Amino acid sequence: MKTVEEVRAEIPFLRTGIIYLDSAATTPTPQPVLDAMLEYFREYSANVGRGLHRAARRATEAFEATRSKLARVINAEPEEIVYTKNATEAINIVAHGLRLGKGDKVIATVLEHHSNLIPWQRLERTRGVELEVVGATWDCLIEPSEVDAAIDDRTRLIAMTQVSNAVGSLQPVEEISKLAREHDVLFLVDASQAVGHMPVDVKAMGCDFLAAPGHKGLLGPQGTGFLYVRKDRFRELEPLLLGGGIVESVDERSYKLVGPPQVFDAGTPNIPGIIGLGRAAEYVLEIGIERIAERERELTARMLKIGEIEQVQVYGPQDLKARGGVVSFNIEGIGHHDVAAMLDELAGIAVRSGHHCAEPTMRHLGVDGTVRASVHYFNLEEEIEKFIAVVEQIAKEFGK
């Protein structure tokens, strides 16, 4: 198990002195992950699956080994892991691969990241699929009863986030997964803000698909991610891309493809990125995902104290058990972008501001955007205290 100090020492970016509270957008990369990618470039920089020489064999072995490492993180089987360049691509693979059409219905929620909303909107426009968007409570939680009421005999899929990227609310995905199974409906989980931040068990959850990026909770490189597909659901998915590297045979008029998950790897993939992602998965397991979750809960509890500051409005659940490591807020009388800029200028604190690719969520809250602070295992208690102090300073000096 790695201590906070050990992890911080292995993240070069943190040596710049930045107080980094933007892990919901992307996380800094630990040195062991960088080393794994550099080792590929320096020692066996060959393509995968296309050669018998030793460098090609080593590249293929390292590339394929990442499936097992990711599977350990979410309690899946290696053959259930499809490589993608991010969670967005993972969701689009499902959206395009399920062959949904006129008469089919998809249920999403008002809390979705645009990446888990726009693909279904496009299917509604191009294929005649009906999209129903379920509302949320005032504190941005989805009620299973509301999802249950939306399910009818045309419903093929429920697609929803596990943790809202905009406000950090933790959704009852296990309960909704049970509803999906009872109604024989497919269930896709956007776990972008969950994997690497908290324990995720796809077997216990019972989902059919789960999408996650490599560059958030997993501390991996940008341009990587994965899609979990339950083994018996592969037969319902067509690959998004066709081309080299995924065929058994081709003639002038036909082709025969390899089986899953490799059938989703058309073309030359991001080999160093996927190898780095594998090392990142190992890295979070070395820390201990339960330890990561516990630390994030402690840091989040500290951050929520900004709600005690006059003129500060915090969004999302009051109950810490219903939250991930994200705190979204506004200061009365100051624009969210202005607050983010002041935090950076006054104390080198990095946060995110805007609608967080979740405009329906912002409309649900009645705002045009928020300031979002988000944590990971490497953050320090004194960083959170500094954040609180500067938010209070901004509110007193510039607030309404």
Protein backbone atom coordinates (compact mmCIF):
# COMPACT_ATOMS: atom_id res chain seq x y z
CA MET A 1 0.00 0.00 0.00
CA LYS A 2 1.24 3.46 -0.89
CA THR A 3 1.03 6.40 1.49
CA VAL A 4 -0.15 9.83 0.41
CA GLU A 5 3.41 11.12 0.67
CA GLU A 6 4.73 8.30 -1.53
CA VAL A 7 2.09 8.95 -4.18
CA ARG A 8 2.73 12.70 -4.17
CA ALA A 9 6.46 12.07 -4.56
CA GLU A 10 5.73 9.99 -7.67
CA ILE A 11 3.60 12.64 -9.42
CA PRO A 12 5.97 15.12 -11.10
CA PHE A 13 3.24 17.68 -11.86
CA LEU A 14 2.58 18.26 -8.16
CA ARG A 15 6.16 19.48 -7.70
CA THR A 16 5.16 22.70 -9.45
CA GLY A 17 3.42 23.77 -6.25
CA ILE A 18 -0.08 23.67 -7.72
CA ILE A 19 -3.01 22.82 -5.44
CA TYR A 20 -4.76 20.51 -7.83
CA LEU A 21 -8.50 20.19 -7.20
CA ASP A 22 -9.55 19.27 -10.75
CA SER A 23 -9.35 15.46 -10.78
CA ALA A 24 -12.91 15.18 -12.09
CA ALA A 25 -11.56 16.62 -15.36
CA THR A 26 -8.25 14.74 -15.49
CA THR A 27 -5.62 13.55 -13.04
CA PRO A 28 -1.85 14.07 -13.09
CA THR A 29 0.16 11.03 -14.15
CA PRO A 30 2.42 9.14 -11.71
CA GLN A 31 6.02 8.44 -12.72
CA PRO A 32 5.58 4.63 -12.85
CA VAL A 33 2.90 5.12 -15.52
CA LEU A 34 5.18 7.42 -17.50
CA ASP A 35 8.00 4.89 -17.12
CA ALA A 36 5.85 2.07 -18.50
CA MET A 37 5.06 4.10 -21.62
CA LEU A 38 8.65 5.23 -22.09
CA GLU A 39 9.83 1.64 -21.71
CA TYR A 40 7.61 0.69 -24.65
CA PHE A 41 9.04 3.46 -26.83
CA ARG A 42 12.61 2.70 -25.86
CA GLU A 43 12.65 -1.09 -25.76
CA TYR A 44 9.89 -2.65 -27.89
CA SER A 45 8.19 0.02 -29.98
CA ALA A 46 6.42 -2.31 -32.39
CA ASN A 47 2.84 -2.78 -33.55
CA VAL A 48 0.62 -5.32 -31.83
CA GLY A 49 -0.74 -8.56 -33.22
CA ARG A 50 1.04 -8.17 -36.57
CA GLY A 51 4.46 -9.64 -36.25
CA LEU A 52 6.42 -12.63 -35.03
CA HIS A 53 9.60 -10.79 -34.09
CA ARG A 54 10.37 -10.38 -30.40
CA ALA A 55 9.47 -6.68 -30.16
CA ALA A 56 6.04 -7.31 -31.70
CA ARG A 57 5.43 -10.25 -29.39
CA ARG A 58 6.41 -8.24 -26.32
CA ALA A 59 4.23 -5.30 -27.39
CA THR A 60 1.26 -7.61 -27.94
CA GLU A 61 1.72 -9.29 -24.57
CA ALA A 62 1.98 -5.97 -22.71
CA PHE A 63 -0.99 -4.52 -24.62
CA GLU A 64 -3.23 -7.53 -23.92
CA ALA A 65 -2.14 -7.74 -20.26
CA THR A 66 -3.95 -4.48 -19.53
CA ARG A 67 -7.29 -6.26 -19.90
CA SER A 68 -6.53 -8.41 -16.87
CA LYS A 69 -5.37 -5.41 -14.86
CA LEU A 70 -8.52 -3.40 -15.62
CA ALA A 71 -10.67 -6.46 -14.95
CA ARG A 72 -9.21 -6.66 -11.43
CA VAL A 73 -10.25 -3.07 -10.75
CA ILE A 74 -13.94 -3.72 -11.52
CA ASN A 75 -14.20 -7.48 -10.77
CA ALA A 76 -14.70 -8.47 -14.40
CA GLU A 77 -13.12 -11.07 -16.70
CA PRO A 78 -10.26 -9.98 -19.02
CA GLU A 79 -12.25 -11.00 -22.09
CA GLU A 80 -15.00 -8.55 -21.05
CA ILE A 81 -12.73 -5.49 -21.42
CA VAL A 82 -12.82 -3.48 -24.66
CA TYR A 83 -10.17 -0.79 -25.11
CA THR A 84 -11.34 2.71 -26.05
CA LYS A 85 -9.80 6.17 -26.21
CA ASN A 86 -12.16 7.49 -23.49
CA ALA A 87 -15.55 6.91 -21.87
CA THR A 88 -17.21 8.87 -24.68
CA GLU A 89 -16.06 6.35 -27.26
CA ALA A 90 -17.14 3.51 -24.98
CA ILE A 91 -20.69 4.87 -24.78
CA ASN A 92 -20.80 5.47 -28.53
CA ILE A 93 -19.76 1.86 -29.18
CA VAL A 94 -22.89 0.79 -27.32
CA ALA A 95 -25.10 3.43 -28.94
CA HIS A 96 -24.07 2.44 -32.47
CA GLY A 97 -23.52 -1.23 -31.86
CA LEU A 98 -26.86 -2.25 -30.36
CA ARG A 99 -28.79 -1.80 -33.64
CA LEU A 100 -31.53 0.21 -31.95
CA GLY A 101 -34.27 1.49 -34.24
CA LYS A 102 -37.78 2.84 -34.58
CA GLY A 103 -40.00 1.56 -31.82
CA ASP A 104 -37.15 1.14 -29.34
CA LYS A 105 -36.81 3.33 -26.28
CA VAL A 106 -33.78 4.48 -24.28
CA ILE A 107 -34.00 5.97 -20.79
CA ALA A 108 -31.36 8.46 -19.60
CA THR A 109 -31.38 11.04 -16.78
CA VAL A 110 -31.13 14.79 -16.45
CA LEU A 111 -27.79 14.35 -14.65
CA GLU A 112 -25.89 12.86 -17.57
CA HIS A 113 -22.65 14.18 -19.00
CA HIS A 114 -23.28 15.19 -22.61
CA SER A 115 -21.36 12.07 -23.67
CA ASN A 116 -24.16 9.94 -22.23
CA LEU A 117 -26.95 12.05 -23.66
CA ILE A 118 -26.04 13.28 -27.14
CA PRO A 119 -25.47 9.77 -28.61
CA TRP A 120 -29.02 8.82 -27.63
CA GLN A 121 -30.38 12.12 -28.96
CA ARG A 122 -28.73 11.38 -32.30
CA LEU A 123 -30.34 7.93 -32.40
CA GLU A 124 -33.68 9.63 -31.78
CA ARG A 125 -33.05 11.95 -34.72
CA THR A 126 -31.49 9.46 -37.15
CA ARG A 127 -33.11 6.12 -36.31
CA GLY A 128 -36.40 7.03 -34.67
CA VAL A 129 -35.41 5.75 -31.24
CA GLU A 130 -37.41 7.33 -28.44
CA LEU A 131 -35.40 8.95 -25.66
CA GLU A 132 -36.97 9.59 -22.26
CA VAL A 133 -34.98 11.70 -19.80
CA VAL A 134 -35.83 11.07 -16.15
CA GLY A 135 -35.68 14.00 -13.73
CA ALA A 136 -33.85 14.22 -10.42
CA THR A 137 -34.53 15.37 -6.87
CA TRP A 138 -33.52 18.85 -5.73
CA ASP A 139 -30.19 17.48 -4.51
CA CYS A 140 -29.45 15.73 -7.80
CA LEU A 141 -30.33 12.14 -6.98
CA ILE A 142 -32.25 9.80 -9.25
CA GLU A 143 -35.18 8.00 -7.64
CA PRO A 144 -35.41 4.34 -8.76
CA SER A 145 -39.21 4.65 -8.71
CA GLU A 146 -39.00 7.36 -11.38
CA VAL A 147 -36.92 5.11 -13.61
CA ASP A 148 -39.32 2.21 -12.97
CA ALA A 149 -42.25 4.39 -14.02
CA ALA A 150 -40.49 5.27 -17.29
CA ILE A 151 -39.88 1.65 -18.30
CA ASP A 152 -42.38 0.19 -20.75
CA ASP A 153 -42.46 -2.75 -23.16
CA ARG A 154 -40.50 -0.73 -25.77
CA THR A 155 -37.59 0.07 -23.45
CA ARG A 156 -34.33 -1.54 -24.58
CA LEU A 157 -31.74 0.32 -22.52
CA ILE A 158 -31.24 2.45 -19.41
CA ALA A 159 -28.11 4.63 -19.55
CA MET A 160 -27.04 6.58 -16.49
CA THR A 161 -24.12 7.95 -14.54
CA GLN A 162 -22.85 6.37 -11.33
CA VAL A 163 -21.51 9.66 -9.96
CA SER A 164 -22.60 13.01 -11.37
CA ASN A 165 -19.59 14.75 -12.82
CA ALA A 166 -21.29 18.11 -12.26
CA VAL A 167 -22.20 17.89 -8.56
CA GLY A 168 -20.77 14.59 -7.30
CA SER A 169 -24.06 12.92 -6.35
CA LEU A 170 -23.77 9.13 -6.07
CA GLN A 171 -26.61 7.36 -7.83
CA PRO A 172 -28.41 4.13 -6.78
CA VAL A 173 -27.10 2.12 -9.73
CA GLU A 174 -27.48 -1.24 -7.97
CA GLU A 175 -31.20 -0.64 -7.40
CA ILE A 176 -31.73 0.55 -10.95
CA SER A 177 -29.75 -2.40 -12.30
CA LYS A 178 -32.13 -4.70 -10.44
CA LEU A 179 -35.09 -2.93 -12.07
CA ALA A 180 -33.48 -3.35 -15.48
CA ARG A 181 -33.04 -7.09 -14.96
CA GLU A 182 -36.61 -7.47 -13.75
CA HIS A 183 -37.86 -5.81 -16.94
CA ASP A 184 -35.31 -7.53 -19.23
CA VAL A 185 -33.80 -4.16 -20.13
CA LEU A 186 -30.11 -3.52 -20.83
CA PHE A 187 -28.25 -1.30 -18.37
CA LEU A 188 -25.26 0.92 -19.18
CA VAL A 189 -23.35 2.74 -16.44
CA ASP A 190 -21.15 5.76 -17.05
CA ALA A 191 -18.58 5.19 -14.31
CA SER A 192 -16.26 8.03 -15.32
CA GLN A 193 -16.24 9.53 -11.81
CA ALA A 194 -16.32 6.20 -9.99
CA VAL A 195 -13.67 3.81 -11.36
CA GLY A 196 -10.42 4.37 -9.48
CA HIS A 197 -12.16 6.58 -6.92
CA MET A 198 -14.26 3.95 -5.18
CA PRO A 199 -14.86 0.19 -5.31
CA VAL A 200 -16.74 -0.81 -8.46
CA ASP A 201 -17.94 -4.39 -8.85
CA VAL A 202 -19.72 -5.08 -12.13
CA LYS A 203 -20.80 -8.53 -11.00
CA ALA A 204 -22.45 -7.20 -7.85
CA MET A 205 -23.87 -4.24 -9.78
CA GLY A 206 -25.29 -6.48 -12.49
CA CYS A 207 -24.83 -3.99 -15.33
CA ASP A 208 -24.51 -5.07 -18.96
CA PHE A 209 -22.11 -2.29 -19.97
CA LEU A 210 -19.84 0.06 -18.04
CA ALA A 211 -17.80 2.91 -19.51
CA ALA A 212 -14.76 4.53 -17.89
CA PRO A 213 -11.83 6.73 -18.94
CA GLY A 214 -8.22 6.06 -18.06
CA HIS A 215 -7.30 9.65 -17.21
CA LYS A 216 -9.52 10.32 -14.19
CA GLY A 217 -9.72 8.04 -11.16
CA LEU A 218 -7.30 5.52 -12.62
CA LEU A 219 -4.46 8.08 -12.86
CA GLY A 220 -3.75 6.90 -16.41
CA PRO A 221 -2.87 8.74 -19.61
CA GLN A 222 -5.33 10.83 -21.60
CA GLY A 223 -6.71 9.19 -24.74
CA THR A 224 -7.35 5.87 -22.99
CA GLY A 225 -10.39 4.19 -21.52
CA PHE A 226 -12.42 1.02 -21.63
CA LEU A 227 -15.84 -0.48 -22.04
CA TYR A 228 -16.92 -3.42 -19.93
CA VAL A 229 -19.27 -5.72 -21.82
CA ARG A 230 -20.84 -8.64 -19.99
CA LYS A 231 -19.78 -11.77 -21.86
CA ASP A 232 -23.24 -12.76 -22.99
CA ARG A 233 -23.92 -9.27 -24.40
CA PHE A 234 -21.17 -9.22 -27.01
CA ARG A 235 -23.43 -10.97 -29.49
CA GLU A 236 -25.72 -7.91 -29.41
CA LEU A 237 -22.92 -5.44 -30.27
CA GLU A 238 -21.52 -4.60 -33.68
CA PRO A 239 -18.02 -3.08 -33.64
CA LEU A 240 -17.90 0.65 -34.24
CA LEU A 241 -14.93 0.43 -36.63
CA LEU A 242 -13.94 -2.10 -39.27
CA GLY A 243 -10.50 -2.47 -40.77
CA GLY A 244 -7.11 -4.01 -40.26
CA GLY A 245 -6.20 -6.16 -37.31
CA ILE A 246 -9.66 -7.61 -36.59
CA VAL A 247 -10.22 -10.01 -39.48
CA GLU A 248 -9.77 -13.73 -39.86
CA SER A 249 -10.25 -13.60 -43.61
CA VAL A 250 -11.29 -11.19 -46.39
CA ASP A 251 -12.13 -11.66 -50.04
CA GLU A 252 -13.47 -9.25 -52.64
CA ARG A 253 -17.04 -9.52 -51.44
CA SER A 254 -17.01 -10.59 -47.80
CA TYR A 255 -15.08 -10.76 -44.54
CA LYS A 256 -14.95 -12.80 -41.36
CA LEU A 257 -14.05 -11.03 -38.13
CA VAL A 258 -12.17 -12.22 -35.05
CA GLY A 259 -14.09 -12.59 -31.80
CA PRO A 260 -14.45 -10.14 -28.93
CA PRO A 261 -12.89 -8.21 -27.35
CA GLN A 262 -10.19 -7.91 -30.04
CA VAL A 263 -12.84 -7.31 -32.71
CA PHE A 264 -13.17 -3.79 -31.30
CA ASP A 265 -9.45 -3.02 -31.88
CA ALA A 266 -9.53 -2.09 -35.58
CA GLY A 267 -6.47 -0.21 -36.81
CA THR A 268 -3.35 0.57 -34.85
CA PRO A 269 -4.45 1.40 -31.29
CA ASN A 270 -2.89 3.68 -28.71
CA ILE A 271 -0.36 1.02 -27.71
CA PRO A 272 1.76 3.07 -25.26
CA GLY A 273 -1.37 4.60 -23.77
CA ILE A 274 -3.01 1.23 -23.13
CA ILE A 275 0.22 -0.13 -21.63
CA GLY A 276 0.35 2.97 -19.42
CA LEU A 277 -3.29 2.43 -18.47
CA GLY A 278 -2.44 -1.09 -17.37
CA ARG A 279 0.33 0.24 -15.12
CA ALA A 280 -2.08 2.88 -13.79
CA ALA A 281 -4.61 0.19 -12.89
CA GLU A 282 -1.87 -1.64 -11.00
CA TYR A 283 -0.93 1.63 -9.31
CA VAL A 284 -4.39 2.33 -7.87
CA LEU A 285 -4.60 -1.29 -6.72
CA GLU A 286 -1.24 -0.82 -4.98
CA ILE A 287 -2.69 2.18 -3.13
CA GLY A 288 -5.88 0.27 -2.40
CA ILE A 289 -9.17 1.43 -3.87
CA GLU A 290 -10.95 1.25 -0.52
CA ARG A 291 -8.22 3.49 0.94
CA ILE A 292 -8.67 5.92 -1.95
CA ALA A 293 -12.43 6.04 -1.33
CA GLU A 294 -11.99 6.56 2.41
CA ARG A 295 -9.51 9.38 1.92
CA GLU A 296 -11.70 11.08 -0.67
CA ARG A 297 -14.65 10.93 1.74
CA GLU A 298 -12.54 12.61 4.43
CA LEU A 299 -11.32 15.33 2.06
CA THR A 300 -14.81 15.89 0.67
CA ALA A 301 -16.22 16.26 4.18
CA ARG A 302 -13.66 19.02 4.77
CA MET A 303 -14.46 20.74 1.47
CA LEU A 304 -18.17 20.80 2.24
CA LYS A 305 -17.43 23.26 5.04
CA ILE A 306 -17.48 25.99 2.41
CA GLY A 307 -21.26 25.68 2.67
CA GLU A 308 -21.00 27.35 6.08
CA ILE A 309 -19.58 30.49 4.48
CA GLU A 310 -22.10 33.26 3.99
CA GLN A 311 -23.00 33.77 0.30
CA VAL A 312 -21.73 30.29 -0.73
CA GLN A 313 -24.23 27.84 -2.20
CA VAL A 314 -23.16 24.18 -2.40
CA TYR A 315 -25.07 21.83 -4.70
CA GLY A 316 -25.82 18.14 -4.36
CA PRO A 317 -26.64 15.85 -1.42
CA GLN A 318 -25.96 16.87 2.16
CA ASP A 319 -25.35 13.23 3.10
CA LEU A 320 -21.68 12.39 2.57
CA LYS A 321 -22.62 8.76 1.81
CA ALA A 322 -24.46 10.00 -1.29
CA ARG A 323 -21.42 11.83 -2.68
CA GLY A 324 -18.27 11.19 -4.63
CA GLY A 325 -15.19 13.40 -4.34
CA VAL A 326 -16.75 16.40 -6.12
CA VAL A 327 -18.04 19.63 -4.56
CA SER A 328 -19.87 22.08 -6.82
CA PHE A 329 -20.69 25.58 -5.60
CA ASN A 330 -21.30 29.23 -6.41
CA ILE A 331 -20.63 32.48 -4.57
CA GLU A 332 -23.50 34.95 -4.67
CA GLY A 333 -22.68 37.98 -6.78
CA ILE A 334 -19.59 36.51 -8.50
CA GLY A 335 -19.51 34.58 -11.75
CA HIS A 336 -18.26 31.00 -11.56
CA HIS A 337 -15.46 31.65 -14.06
CA ASP A 338 -14.35 34.67 -12.02
CA VAL A 339 -14.21 32.58 -8.85
CA ALA A 340 -12.11 29.90 -10.57
CA ALA A 341 -9.73 32.54 -11.92
CA MET A 342 -9.35 34.15 -8.48
CA LEU A 343 -8.60 30.81 -6.83
CA ASP A 344 -5.80 30.30 -9.32
CA GLU A 345 -4.44 33.83 -9.09
CA LEU A 346 -4.61 34.17 -5.30
CA ALA A 347 -3.37 30.74 -4.27
CA GLY A 348 -2.52 28.55 -7.26
CA ILE A 349 -5.65 26.45 -6.72
CA ALA A 350 -6.87 24.63 -9.82
CA VAL A 351 -10.63 24.03 -10.08
CA ARG A 352 -13.10 23.80 -12.94
CA SER A 353 -15.90 26.24 -13.79
CA GLY A 354 -18.78 26.25 -16.25
CA HIS A 355 -21.52 23.77 -17.06
CA HIS A 356 -19.17 20.75 -16.90
CA CYS A 357 -20.60 19.23 -20.09
CA ALA A 358 -23.87 18.81 -18.21
CA GLU A 359 -26.13 21.66 -19.28
CA PRO A 360 -29.38 19.83 -18.38
CA THR A 361 -28.04 19.42 -14.85
CA MET A 362 -27.32 23.15 -14.65
CA ARG A 363 -30.86 23.93 -15.81
CA HIS A 364 -32.17 21.54 -13.16
CA LEU A 365 -30.24 23.57 -10.57
CA GLY A 366 -31.40 26.87 -12.05
CA VAL A 367 -27.88 28.15 -12.75
CA ASP A 368 -25.75 28.66 -15.85
CA GLY A 369 -22.70 27.02 -14.28
CA THR A 370 -20.82 26.29 -11.07
CA VAL A 371 -17.34 26.14 -9.62
CA ARG A 372 -16.30 22.51 -9.20
CA ALA A 373 -13.56 21.29 -6.86
CA SER A 374 -12.65 17.61 -6.97
CA VAL A 375 -10.14 15.46 -5.11
CA HIS A 376 -8.08 12.31 -5.34
CA TYR A 377 -5.99 10.32 -2.89
CA PHE A 378 -2.95 12.57 -3.32
CA ASN A 379 -4.61 15.73 -2.03
CA LEU A 380 -3.58 17.07 1.39
CA GLU A 381 -5.72 18.30 4.28
CA GLU A 382 -3.82 21.58 4.29
CA GLU A 383 -4.66 22.07 0.61
CA ILE A 384 -8.35 21.77 1.45
CA GLU A 385 -7.99 24.21 4.34
CA LYS A 386 -6.26 26.68 2.02
CA PHE A 387 -9.08 26.24 -0.51
CA ILE A 388 -11.71 26.97 2.16
CA ALA A 389 -9.84 30.05 3.37
CA VAL A 390 -9.48 31.50 -0.12
CA VAL A 391 -13.16 30.83 -0.96
CA GLU A 392 -14.09 32.70 2.22
CA GLN A 393 -11.74 35.56 1.29
CA ILE A 394 -13.29 35.83 -2.18
CA ALA A 395 -16.82 35.74 -0.77
CA LYS A 396 -16.08 38.50 1.76
CA GLU A 397 -14.18 40.78 -0.58
CA PHE A 398 -16.09 40.35 -3.82
CA GLY A 399 -19.43 38.69 -3.01
CA LYS A 400 -22.79 40.40 -2.94
